[in-house]
């Protein structure tokens, strides 16, 4: 490792450039990755790092010192603690960060599953959805106008490295994307849709999830081929958008595992905790007595 540069003044041009990356990643074409986990994940995935930064106190941490030592050929910068806190926006940052180029959005249509976000404004929700998509095996995420920036520091922290497993497109015309995509478009709606658990989710799907308050825009709901609703307990009105997305994506994953024969290790007749026999592949009853149909009654 070459000798790191040290920045002690807010007037330093390099510090001003770093602050611009944090404030407007999309315009700068670069992103600020804050924290040991994100930086380590980035390096482990072979993502090119433009700058590796540490605070004065952070560089004394053995794990951070090892990252700096291993960063051959990378521009390393040490920031005064107060400057690092200012640019990080965290009261107690871990003391290490990296600057990377934001990957260019790929051209062409989408193949396979995708999640399309319609004006999801909360950075924590966007990051959680990205993390869930990666965990569920979905590889494409489309962000329409009005969404929190996918490469903002808060979304990156909430995503916990999921960005590096995904193809992310921002500022997407979602209606045009749906029209061009061969996968089944499924709009999540609070009420009036087919029960999620009665829908056939085994084929490629583009999931439409909407704004925290308004939900999916009416024109996109109209454009979707299928509308689904998650059945909620009586007395409740809604579910957080990130939680709802997780329920949908993992219900689809569950159905596909069942189709492959991987989801139920014991294929013999088994008993629920309530003592009701549940034959595999047959219609079954919930503890409340509500029938849960198999996929044959679902929507294509």
C-alpha atoms as a PDB file:
ATOM      1  CA  UNK A   1       0.000   0.000   0.000  1.00  0.00           C
ATOM      2  CA  UNK A   2       1.277   3.476  -0.873  1.00  0.00           C
ATOM      3  CA  UNK A   3       1.290   6.106   1.853  1.00  0.00           C
ATOM      4  CA  UNK A   4      -2.307   7.355   2.337  1.00  0.00           C
ATOM      5  CA  UNK A   5      -3.174  10.979   1.758  1.00  0.00           C
ATOM      6  CA  UNK A   6      -4.509  12.822   4.801  1.00  0.00           C
ATOM      7  CA  UNK A   7      -7.393  15.312   4.641  1.00  0.00           C
ATOM      8  CA  UNK A   8      -7.918  17.616   7.608  1.00  0.00           C
ATOM      9  CA  UNK A   9      -9.862  20.538   6.116  1.00  0.00           C
ATOM     10  CA  UNK A  10     -13.421  20.903   4.841  1.00  0.00           C
ATOM     11  CA  UNK A  11     -12.049  23.240   2.167  1.00  0.00           C
ATOM     12  CA  UNK A  12      -9.937  20.502   0.628  1.00  0.00           C
ATOM     13  CA  UNK A  13     -11.126  19.911  -2.982  1.00  0.00           C
ATOM     14  CA  UNK A  14     -10.987  16.144  -2.497  1.00  0.00           C
ATOM     15  CA  UNK A  15     -13.273  16.415   0.532  1.00  0.00           C
ATOM     16  CA  UNK A  16     -15.735  18.548  -1.440  1.00  0.00           C
ATOM     17  CA  UNK A  17     -15.709  15.936  -4.217  1.00  0.00           C
ATOM     18  CA  UNK A  18     -16.473  13.187  -1.695  1.00  0.00           C
ATOM     19  CA  UNK A  19     -19.352  15.176  -0.235  1.00  0.00           C
ATOM     20  CA  UNK A  20     -20.797  15.601  -3.744  1.00  0.00           C
ATOM     21  CA  UNK A  21     -20.743  11.811  -4.189  1.00  0.00           C
ATOM     22  CA  UNK A  22     -22.681  11.328  -0.952  1.00  0.00           C
ATOM     23  CA  UNK A  23     -25.205  14.080  -1.738  1.00  0.00           C
ATOM     24  CA  UNK A  24     -25.943  13.139  -5.358  1.00  0.00           C
ATOM     25  CA  UNK A  25     -24.570   9.740  -6.403  1.00  0.00           C
ATOM     26  CA  UNK A  26     -26.591   9.607  -9.611  1.00  0.00           C
ATOM     27  CA  UNK A  27     -25.188  12.886 -10.918  1.00  0.00           C
ATOM     28  CA  UNK A  28     -21.625  12.007  -9.927  1.00  0.00           C
ATOM     29  CA  UNK A  29     -21.890   8.470 -11.271  1.00  0.00           C
ATOM     30  CA  UNK A  30     -20.271   7.184  -8.091  1.00  0.00           C
ATOM     31  CA  UNK A  31     -21.405   5.772  -4.766  1.00  0.00           C
ATOM     32  CA  UNK A  32     -20.142   5.962  -1.184  1.00  0.00           C
ATOM     33  CA  UNK A  33     -20.060   2.572   0.571  1.00  0.00           C
ATOM     34  CA  UNK A  34     -19.904   3.043   4.326  1.00  0.00           C
ATOM     35  CA  UNK A  35     -18.850   0.369   6.797  1.00  0.00           C
ATOM     36  CA  UNK A  36     -16.661  -2.702   7.112  1.00  0.00           C
ATOM     37  CA  UNK A  37     -19.315  -5.108   5.818  1.00  0.00           C
ATOM     38  CA  UNK A  38     -20.070  -3.172   2.629  1.00  0.00           C
ATOM     39  CA  UNK A  39     -16.435  -2.453   1.847  1.00  0.00           C
ATOM     40  CA  UNK A  40     -15.395  -6.055   2.459  1.00  0.00           C
ATOM     41  CA  UNK A  41     -18.259  -7.387   0.331  1.00  0.00           C
ATOM     42  CA  UNK A  42     -17.313  -5.012  -2.455  1.00  0.00           C
ATOM     43  CA  UNK A  43     -13.677  -6.118  -2.424  1.00  0.00           C
ATOM     44  CA  UNK A  44     -14.599  -9.807  -2.146  1.00  0.00           C
ATOM     45  CA  UNK A  45     -16.822  -9.476  -5.243  1.00  0.00           C
ATOM     46  CA  UNK A  46     -13.981  -7.929  -7.210  1.00  0.00           C
ATOM     47  CA  UNK A  47     -15.718  -4.553  -7.585  1.00  0.00           C
ATOM     48  CA  UNK A  48     -13.236  -1.886  -8.684  1.00  0.00           C
ATOM     49  CA  UNK A  49     -12.664   0.637  -5.889  1.00  0.00           C
ATOM     50  CA  UNK A  50     -11.718   4.184  -6.834  1.00  0.00           C
ATOM     51  CA  UNK A  51     -10.908   5.327  -3.310  1.00  0.00           C
ATOM     52  CA  UNK A  52     -10.628   3.628   0.057  1.00  0.00           C
ATOM     53  CA  UNK A  53     -11.143   5.938   3.005  1.00  0.00           C
ATOM     54  CA  UNK A  54     -10.644   5.610   6.740  1.00  0.00           C
ATOM     55  CA  UNK A  55     -11.039   7.947   9.678  1.00  0.00           C
ATOM     56  CA  UNK A  56      -8.052   8.739  11.885  1.00  0.00           C
ATOM     57  CA  UNK A  57      -9.408   6.533  14.663  1.00  0.00           C
ATOM     58  CA  UNK A  58     -10.779   3.940  12.242  1.00  0.00           C
ATOM     59  CA  UNK A  59      -7.381   3.161  10.783  1.00  0.00           C
ATOM     60  CA  UNK A  60      -6.342   1.893  14.235  1.00  0.00           C
ATOM     61  CA  UNK A  61      -8.958  -0.869  13.999  1.00  0.00           C
ATOM     62  CA  UNK A  62      -7.174  -4.100  13.016  1.00  0.00           C
ATOM     63  CA  UNK A  63      -9.819  -5.097  10.436  1.00  0.00           C
ATOM     64  CA  UNK A  64      -9.755  -1.676   8.776  1.00  0.00           C
ATOM     65  CA  UNK A  65      -5.954  -1.560   8.861  1.00  0.00           C
ATOM     66  CA  UNK A  66      -5.905  -4.911   7.057  1.00  0.00           C
ATOM     67  CA  UNK A  67      -8.266  -3.571   4.379  1.00  0.00           C
ATOM     68  CA  UNK A  68      -5.997  -0.567   3.824  1.00  0.00           C
ATOM     69  CA  UNK A  69      -2.927  -2.768   3.713  1.00  0.00           C
ATOM     70  CA  UNK A  70      -4.478  -5.089   1.131  1.00  0.00           C
ATOM     71  CA  UNK A  71      -5.665  -2.275  -1.146  1.00  0.00           C
ATOM     72  CA  UNK A  72      -2.813  -2.452  -3.620  1.00  0.00           C
ATOM     73  CA  UNK A  73      -3.038   0.243  -6.272  1.00  0.00           C
ATOM     74  CA  UNK A  74      -6.068   1.924  -4.675  1.00  0.00           C
ATOM     75  CA  UNK A  75      -6.050   5.597  -3.723  1.00  0.00           C
ATOM     76  CA  UNK A  76      -6.229   5.510   0.102  1.00  0.00           C
ATOM     77  CA  UNK A  77      -7.298   8.562   2.082  1.00  0.00           C
ATOM     78  CA  UNK A  78      -7.347   9.247   5.825  1.00  0.00           C
ATOM     79  CA  UNK A  79      -9.980  11.726   7.000  1.00  0.00           C
ATOM     80  CA  UNK A  80     -10.031  13.577  10.281  1.00  0.00           C
ATOM     81  CA  UNK A  81     -12.679  11.957  12.500  1.00  0.00           C
ATOM     82  CA  UNK A  82     -14.968  14.995  12.407  1.00  0.00           C
ATOM     83  CA  UNK A  83     -14.802  15.115   8.607  1.00  0.00           C
ATOM     84  CA  UNK A  84     -15.545  11.410   8.297  1.00  0.00           C
ATOM     85  CA  UNK A  85     -18.603  11.772  10.576  1.00  0.00           C
ATOM     86  CA  UNK A  86     -19.785  14.773   8.583  1.00  0.00           C
ATOM     87  CA  UNK A  87     -19.597  13.029   5.249  1.00  0.00           C
ATOM     88  CA  UNK A  88     -20.915   9.720   6.598  1.00  0.00           C
ATOM     89  CA  UNK A  89     -23.915  11.289   8.287  1.00  0.00           C
ATOM     90  CA  UNK A  90     -23.702   8.729  11.094  1.00  0.00           C
ATOM     91  CA  UNK A  91     -23.111   9.597  14.718  1.00  0.00           C
ATOM     92  CA  UNK A  92     -20.729   6.669  15.208  1.00  0.00           C
ATOM     93  CA  UNK A  93     -19.437   5.469  11.844  1.00  0.00           C
ATOM     94  CA  UNK A  94     -17.225   2.386  11.730  1.00  0.00           C
ATOM     95  CA  UNK A  95     -14.483   4.489  10.168  1.00  0.00           C
ATOM     96  CA  UNK A  96     -14.024   2.967   6.718  1.00  0.00           C
ATOM     97  CA  UNK A  97     -15.675   3.639   3.358  1.00  0.00           C
ATOM     98  CA  UNK A  98     -15.089   3.158  -0.335  1.00  0.00           C
ATOM     99  CA  UNK A  99     -16.008   5.063  -3.481  1.00  0.00           C
ATOM    100  CA  UNK A 100     -17.017   3.001  -6.518  1.00  0.00           C
ATOM    101  CA  UNK A 101     -18.413   3.722  -9.956  1.00  0.00           C
ATOM    102  CA  UNK A 102     -22.156   3.081 -10.231  1.00  0.00           C
ATOM    103  CA  UNK A 103     -22.607   0.235 -12.740  1.00  0.00           C
ATOM    104  CA  UNK A 104     -24.199   1.255 -16.017  1.00  0.00           C
ATOM    105  CA  UNK A 105     -27.752  -0.012 -16.504  1.00  0.00           C
ATOM    106  CA  UNK A 106     -27.795  -2.816 -19.078  1.00  0.00           C
ATOM    107  CA  UNK A 107     -29.590  -2.372 -22.360  1.00  0.00           C
ATOM    108  CA  UNK A 108     -32.323  -4.668 -23.597  1.00  0.00           C
ATOM    109  CA  UNK A 109     -35.367  -6.279 -22.058  1.00  0.00           C
ATOM    110  CA  UNK A 110     -35.588  -8.248 -18.825  1.00  0.00           C
ATOM    111  CA  UNK A 111     -35.332 -12.011 -18.718  1.00  0.00           C
ATOM    112  CA  UNK A 112     -36.674 -13.830 -15.674  1.00  0.00           C
ATOM    113  CA  UNK A 113     -38.104 -12.383 -12.486  1.00  0.00           C
ATOM    114  CA  UNK A 114     -37.991  -8.712 -11.556  1.00  0.00           C
ATOM    115  CA  UNK A 115     -39.284  -6.304  -8.926  1.00  0.00           C
ATOM    116  CA  UNK A 116     -40.548  -2.921 -10.106  1.00  0.00           C
ATOM    117  CA  UNK A 117     -40.781  -0.133  -7.518  1.00  0.00           C
ATOM    118  CA  UNK A 118     -43.321   2.602  -8.131  1.00  0.00           C
ATOM    119  CA  UNK A 119     -42.400   5.747  -6.165  1.00  0.00           C
ATOM    120  CA  UNK A 120     -41.110   3.890  -3.087  1.00  0.00           C
ATOM    121  CA  UNK A 121     -39.632   6.884  -1.302  1.00  0.00           C
ATOM    122  CA  UNK A 122     -38.164   5.577   1.946  1.00  0.00           C
ATOM    123  CA  UNK A 123     -34.496   4.634   1.602  1.00  0.00           C
ATOM    124  CA  UNK A 124     -34.805   1.919   4.235  1.00  0.00           C
ATOM    125  CA  UNK A 125     -37.673   0.298   2.344  1.00  0.00           C
ATOM    126  CA  UNK A 126     -35.818   0.419  -0.970  1.00  0.00           C
ATOM    127  CA  UNK A 127     -32.714  -1.121   0.574  1.00  0.00           C
ATOM    128  CA  UNK A 128     -34.734  -3.823   2.313  1.00  0.00           C
ATOM    129  CA  UNK A 129     -36.500  -4.686  -0.944  1.00  0.00           C
ATOM    130  CA  UNK A 130     -33.159  -4.983  -2.756  1.00  0.00           C
ATOM    131  CA  UNK A 131     -31.862  -7.260  -0.004  1.00  0.00           C
ATOM    132  CA  UNK A 132     -35.009  -9.394  -0.140  1.00  0.00           C
ATOM    133  CA  UNK A 133     -34.891  -9.641  -3.940  1.00  0.00           C
ATOM    134  CA  UNK A 134     -31.317 -10.909  -3.849  1.00  0.00           C
ATOM    135  CA  UNK A 135     -32.157 -13.430  -1.119  1.00  0.00           C
ATOM    136  CA  UNK A 136     -35.183 -14.709  -3.073  1.00  0.00           C
ATOM    137  CA  UNK A 137     -33.140 -15.210  -6.231  1.00  0.00           C
ATOM    138  CA  UNK A 138     -34.632 -12.272  -8.148  1.00  0.00           C
ATOM    139  CA  UNK A 139     -31.910 -10.594 -10.178  1.00  0.00           C
ATOM    140  CA  UNK A 140     -33.595  -7.542 -11.740  1.00  0.00           C
ATOM    141  CA  UNK A 141     -34.904  -4.470  -9.914  1.00  0.00           C
ATOM    142  CA  UNK A 142     -36.518  -1.513 -11.695  1.00  0.00           C
ATOM    143  CA  UNK A 143     -36.970   1.802  -9.912  1.00  0.00           C
ATOM    144  CA  UNK A 144     -39.473   4.211 -11.394  1.00  0.00           C
ATOM    145  CA  UNK A 145     -39.465   7.998 -10.940  1.00  0.00           C
ATOM    146  CA  UNK A 146     -39.970   9.124  -7.367  1.00  0.00           C
ATOM    147  CA  UNK A 147     -38.051   6.261  -5.764  1.00  0.00           C
ATOM    148  CA  UNK A 148     -35.204   6.812  -3.327  1.00  0.00           C
ATOM    149  CA  UNK A 149     -31.898   6.594  -5.160  1.00  0.00           C
ATOM    150  CA  UNK A 150     -30.676   2.995  -5.250  1.00  0.00           C
ATOM    151  CA  UNK A 151     -27.052   4.036  -4.735  1.00  0.00           C
ATOM    152  CA  UNK A 152     -27.583   6.531  -1.931  1.00  0.00           C
ATOM    153  CA  UNK A 153     -25.674   5.744   1.295  1.00  0.00           C
ATOM    154  CA  UNK A 154     -28.839   4.906   3.257  1.00  0.00           C
ATOM    155  CA  UNK A 155     -30.124   2.482   0.619  1.00  0.00           C
ATOM    156  CA  UNK A 156     -26.703   0.873   0.354  1.00  0.00           C
ATOM    157  CA  UNK A 157     -26.542   0.380   4.120  1.00  0.00           C
ATOM    158  CA  UNK A 158     -30.039  -1.135   4.189  1.00  0.00           C
ATOM    159  CA  UNK A 159     -29.197  -3.358   1.201  1.00  0.00           C
ATOM    160  CA  UNK A 160     -26.217  -4.912   3.037  1.00  0.00           C
ATOM    161  CA  UNK A 161     -24.363  -5.778  -0.172  1.00  0.00           C
ATOM    162  CA  UNK A 162     -27.399  -6.940  -2.190  1.00  0.00           C
ATOM    163  CA  UNK A 163     -26.579  -4.369  -4.881  1.00  0.00           C
ATOM    164  CA  UNK A 164     -23.681  -6.524  -6.035  1.00  0.00           C
ATOM    165  CA  UNK A 165     -26.013  -9.455  -6.779  1.00  0.00           C
ATOM    166  CA  UNK A 166     -28.563  -7.431  -8.733  1.00  0.00           C
ATOM    167  CA  UNK A 167     -29.063  -5.667 -12.033  1.00  0.00           C
ATOM    168  CA  UNK A 168     -30.507  -2.294 -11.037  1.00  0.00           C
ATOM    169  CA  UNK A 169     -32.187   0.150 -13.392  1.00  0.00           C
ATOM    170  CA  UNK A 170     -33.292   3.594 -12.172  1.00  0.00           C
ATOM    171  CA  UNK A 171     -35.685   6.212 -13.542  1.00  0.00           C
ATOM    172  CA  UNK A 172     -37.455   3.521 -15.541  1.00  0.00           C
ATOM    173  CA  UNK A 173     -40.690   4.081 -17.462  1.00  0.00           C
ATOM    174  CA  UNK A 174     -42.441   1.208 -15.724  1.00  0.00           C
ATOM    175  CA  UNK A 175     -45.412   1.049 -18.099  1.00  0.00           C
ATOM    176  CA  UNK A 176     -43.084   0.717 -21.095  1.00  0.00           C
ATOM    177  CA  UNK A 177     -40.974  -1.860 -19.262  1.00  0.00           C
ATOM    178  CA  UNK A 178     -44.046  -3.977 -18.498  1.00  0.00           C
ATOM    179  CA  UNK A 179     -45.156  -3.843 -22.114  1.00  0.00           C
ATOM    180  CA  UNK A 180     -41.747  -5.023 -23.315  1.00  0.00           C
ATOM    181  CA  UNK A 181     -41.273  -7.795 -20.762  1.00  0.00           C
ATOM    182  CA  UNK A 182     -42.597 -11.302 -21.528  1.00  0.00           C
ATOM    183  CA  UNK A 183     -42.941 -12.202 -17.839  1.00  0.00           C
ATOM    184  CA  UNK A 184     -46.332 -12.017 -16.123  1.00  0.00           C
ATOM    185  CA  UNK A 185     -46.821  -8.619 -14.485  1.00  0.00           C
ATOM    186  CA  UNK A 186     -48.323  -8.869 -10.997  1.00  0.00           C
ATOM    187  CA  UNK A 187     -49.497  -5.754  -9.167  1.00  0.00           C
ATOM    188  CA  UNK A 188     -49.690  -5.931  -5.381  1.00  0.00           C
ATOM    189  CA  UNK A 189     -52.851  -4.232  -4.130  1.00  0.00           C
ATOM    190  CA  UNK A 190     -54.151  -3.761  -0.594  1.00  0.00           C
ATOM    191  CA  UNK A 191     -57.587  -5.148  -1.418  1.00  0.00           C
ATOM    192  CA  UNK A 192     -59.595  -6.502  -4.313  1.00  0.00           C
ATOM    193  CA  UNK A 193     -56.936  -8.740  -5.816  1.00  0.00           C
ATOM    194  CA  UNK A 194     -56.750 -12.506  -5.952  1.00  0.00           C
ATOM    195  CA  UNK A 195     -55.332 -13.994  -2.767  1.00  0.00           C
ATOM    196  CA  UNK A 196     -51.571 -14.347  -3.091  1.00  0.00           C
ATOM    197  CA  UNK A 197     -51.895 -17.942  -1.906  1.00  0.00           C
ATOM    198  CA  UNK A 198     -54.400 -18.833  -4.632  1.00  0.00           C
ATOM    199  CA  UNK A 199     -52.218 -17.473  -7.443  1.00  0.00           C
ATOM    200  CA  UNK A 200     -49.888 -19.481  -9.648  1.00  0.00           C
ATOM    201  CA  UNK A 201     -46.479 -17.869  -9.124  1.00  0.00           C
ATOM    202  CA  UNK A 202     -44.327 -20.570 -10.676  1.00  0.00           C
ATOM    203  CA  UNK A 203     -43.551 -18.745 -13.924  1.00  0.00           C
ATOM    204  CA  UNK A 204     -41.405 -15.612 -14.478  1.00  0.00           C
ATOM    205  CA  UNK A 205     -42.957 -12.584 -12.781  1.00  0.00           C
ATOM    206  CA  UNK A 206     -42.463  -8.828 -12.715  1.00  0.00           C
ATOM    207  CA  UNK A 207     -43.734  -7.743  -9.297  1.00  0.00           C
ATOM    208  CA  UNK A 208     -45.169  -4.233  -9.063  1.00  0.00           C
ATOM    209  CA  UNK A 209     -44.908  -2.729  -5.573  1.00  0.00           C
ATOM    210  CA  UNK A 210     -46.046   0.772  -4.810  1.00  0.00           C
ATOM    211  CA  UNK A 211     -45.604   3.906  -2.793  1.00  0.00           C
ATOM    212  CA  UNK A 212     -45.826   3.623   0.999  1.00  0.00           C
ATOM    213  CA  UNK A 213     -49.069   5.606   1.166  1.00  0.00           C
ATOM    214  CA  UNK A 214     -50.686   5.531  -2.270  1.00  0.00           C
ATOM    215  CA  UNK A 215     -49.695   2.050  -3.398  1.00  0.00           C
ATOM    216  CA  UNK A 216     -49.184   1.186  -7.062  1.00  0.00           C
ATOM    217  CA  UNK A 217     -50.362   3.893  -9.477  1.00  0.00           C
ATOM    218  CA  UNK A 218     -53.782   3.167 -11.071  1.00  0.00           C
ATOM    219  CA  UNK A 219     -52.396   3.123 -14.621  1.00  0.00           C
ATOM    220  CA  UNK A 220     -49.825   0.492 -13.674  1.00  0.00           C
ATOM    221  CA  UNK A 221     -52.443  -1.594 -11.878  1.00  0.00           C
ATOM    222  CA  UNK A 222     -54.534  -1.455 -15.045  1.00  0.00           C
ATOM    223  CA  UNK A 223     -51.538  -2.499 -17.141  1.00  0.00           C
ATOM    224  CA  UNK A 224     -50.701  -5.491 -14.943  1.00  0.00           C
ATOM    225  CA  UNK A 225     -51.912  -8.905 -16.042  1.00  0.00           C
ATOM    226  CA  UNK A 226     -52.666 -10.048 -12.485  1.00  0.00           C
ATOM    227  CA  UNK A 227     -53.527  -8.287  -9.205  1.00  0.00           C
ATOM    228  CA  UNK A 228     -52.835 -10.009  -5.905  1.00  0.00           C
ATOM    229  CA  UNK A 229     -53.653  -9.203  -2.306  1.00  0.00           C
ATOM    230  CA  UNK A 230     -51.995 -10.601   0.812  1.00  0.00           C
ATOM    231  CA  UNK A 231     -54.729 -11.815   3.208  1.00  0.00           C
ATOM    232  CA  UNK A 232     -54.273  -9.973   6.503  1.00  0.00           C
ATOM    233  CA  UNK A 233     -55.639 -10.614   9.949  1.00  0.00           C
ATOM    234  CA  UNK A 234     -58.951  -8.915  10.650  1.00  0.00           C
ATOM    235  CA  UNK A 235     -58.604  -5.438  12.071  1.00  0.00           C
ATOM    236  CA  UNK A 236     -55.434  -4.630  10.115  1.00  0.00           C
ATOM    237  CA  UNK A 237     -55.375  -2.444   7.036  1.00  0.00           C
ATOM    238  CA  UNK A 238     -51.925  -2.639   5.500  1.00  0.00           C
ATOM    239  CA  UNK A 239     -48.442  -4.072   5.535  1.00  0.00           C
ATOM    240  CA  UNK A 240     -45.126  -2.261   5.150  1.00  0.00           C
ATOM    241  CA  UNK A 241     -44.080  -2.316   1.492  1.00  0.00           C
ATOM    242  CA  UNK A 242     -40.767  -4.053   2.188  1.00  0.00           C
ATOM    243  CA  UNK A 243     -42.483  -6.702   4.317  1.00  0.00           C
ATOM    244  CA  UNK A 244     -45.207  -7.205   1.693  1.00  0.00           C
ATOM    245  CA  UNK A 245     -42.592  -7.628  -1.023  1.00  0.00           C
ATOM    246  CA  UNK A 246     -40.796 -10.250   1.078  1.00  0.00           C
ATOM    247  CA  UNK A 247     -44.044 -12.200   1.575  1.00  0.00           C
ATOM    248  CA  UNK A 248     -44.722 -12.178  -2.188  1.00  0.00           C
ATOM    249  CA  UNK A 249     -41.230 -13.111  -3.328  1.00  0.00           C
ATOM    250  CA  UNK A 250     -40.875 -15.958  -0.881  1.00  0.00           C
ATOM    251  CA  UNK A 251     -44.355 -17.314  -1.605  1.00  0.00           C
ATOM    252  CA  UNK A 252     -43.265 -17.521  -5.252  1.00  0.00           C
ATOM    253  CA  UNK A 253     -40.028 -19.200  -4.183  1.00  0.00           C
ATOM    254  CA  UNK A 254     -41.962 -21.652  -1.992  1.00  0.00           C
ATOM    255  CA  UNK A 255     -44.275 -22.616  -4.857  1.00  0.00           C
ATOM    256  CA  UNK A 256     -41.330 -23.259  -7.144  1.00  0.00           C
ATOM    257  CA  UNK A 257     -39.549 -25.386  -4.561  1.00  0.00           C
ATOM    258  CA  UNK A 258     -42.724 -27.442  -4.084  1.00  0.00           C
ATOM    259  CA  UNK A 259     -42.973 -27.847  -7.864  1.00  0.00           C
ATOM    260  CA  UNK A 260     -39.393 -29.131  -7.911  1.00  0.00           C
ATOM    261  CA  UNK A 261     -40.106 -31.451  -4.981  1.00  0.00           C
ATOM    262  CA  UNK A 262     -37.592 -29.716  -2.714  1.00  0.00           C
ATOM    263  CA  UNK A 263     -39.767 -27.967  -0.153  1.00  0.00           C
ATOM    264  CA  UNK A 264     -41.221 -30.859   1.849  1.00  0.00           C
ATOM    265  CA  UNK A 265     -38.541 -33.312   3.033  1.00  0.00           C
ATOM    266  CA  UNK A 266     -41.090 -35.865   4.324  1.00  0.00           C
ATOM    267  CA  UNK A 267     -43.557 -36.795   1.578  1.00  0.00           C
ATOM    268  CA  UNK A 268     -45.605 -39.038   3.838  1.00  0.00           C
ATOM    269  CA  UNK A 269     -48.798 -37.858   5.462  1.00  0.00           C
ATOM    270  CA  UNK A 270     -47.916 -35.476   8.242  1.00  0.00           C
ATOM    271  CA  UNK A 271     -49.702 -33.742  11.105  1.00  0.00           C
ATOM    272  CA  UNK A 272     -49.999 -30.043  11.788  1.00  0.00           C
ATOM    273  CA  UNK A 273     -49.494 -28.799  15.362  1.00  0.00           C
ATOM    274  CA  UNK A 274     -53.298 -28.803  15.645  1.00  0.00           C
ATOM    275  CA  UNK A 275     -53.416 -32.520  14.768  1.00  0.00           C
ATOM    276  CA  UNK A 276     -55.050 -32.129  11.324  1.00  0.00           C
ATOM    277  CA  UNK A 277     -53.703 -34.510   8.711  1.00  0.00           C
ATOM    278  CA  UNK A 278     -52.269 -32.721   5.658  1.00  0.00           C
ATOM    279  CA  UNK A 279     -51.765 -35.027   2.656  1.00  0.00           C
ATOM    280  CA  UNK A 280     -49.111 -33.624   0.298  1.00  0.00           C
ATOM    281  CA  UNK A 281     -50.510 -32.089  -2.870  1.00  0.00           C
ATOM    282  CA  UNK A 282     -54.133 -32.235  -1.688  1.00  0.00           C
ATOM    283  CA  UNK A 283     -56.514 -29.526  -0.592  1.00  0.00           C
ATOM    284  CA  UNK A 284     -55.965 -28.784   3.058  1.00  0.00           C
ATOM    285  CA  UNK A 285     -57.543 -26.804   5.880  1.00  0.00           C
ATOM    286  CA  UNK A 286     -56.007 -24.051   7.938  1.00  0.00           C
ATOM    287  CA  UNK A 287     -56.603 -23.983  11.723  1.00  0.00           C
ATOM    288  CA  UNK A 288     -59.466 -21.570  11.008  1.00  0.00           C
ATOM    289  CA  UNK A 289     -61.043 -24.044   8.585  1.00  0.00           C
ATOM    290  CA  UNK A 290     -60.417 -21.920   5.454  1.00  0.00           C
ATOM    291  CA  UNK A 291     -59.629 -23.987   2.406  1.00  0.00           C
ATOM    292  CA  UNK A 292     -56.286 -23.281   0.751  1.00  0.00           C
ATOM    293  CA  UNK A 293     -56.524 -24.412  -2.881  1.00  0.00           C
ATOM    294  CA  UNK A 294     -53.584 -25.819  -4.769  1.00  0.00           C
ATOM    295  CA  UNK A 295     -52.045 -24.066  -7.749  1.00  0.00           C
ATOM    296  CA  UNK A 296     -54.618 -25.456 -10.204  1.00  0.00           C
ATOM    297  CA  UNK A 297     -56.994 -22.639  -9.258  1.00  0.00           C
ATOM    298  CA  UNK A 298     -54.375 -19.919  -9.498  1.00  0.00           C
ATOM    299  CA  UNK A 299     -53.986 -17.261 -12.161  1.00  0.00           C
ATOM    300  CA  UNK A 300     -51.496 -17.462 -14.991  1.00  0.00           C
END
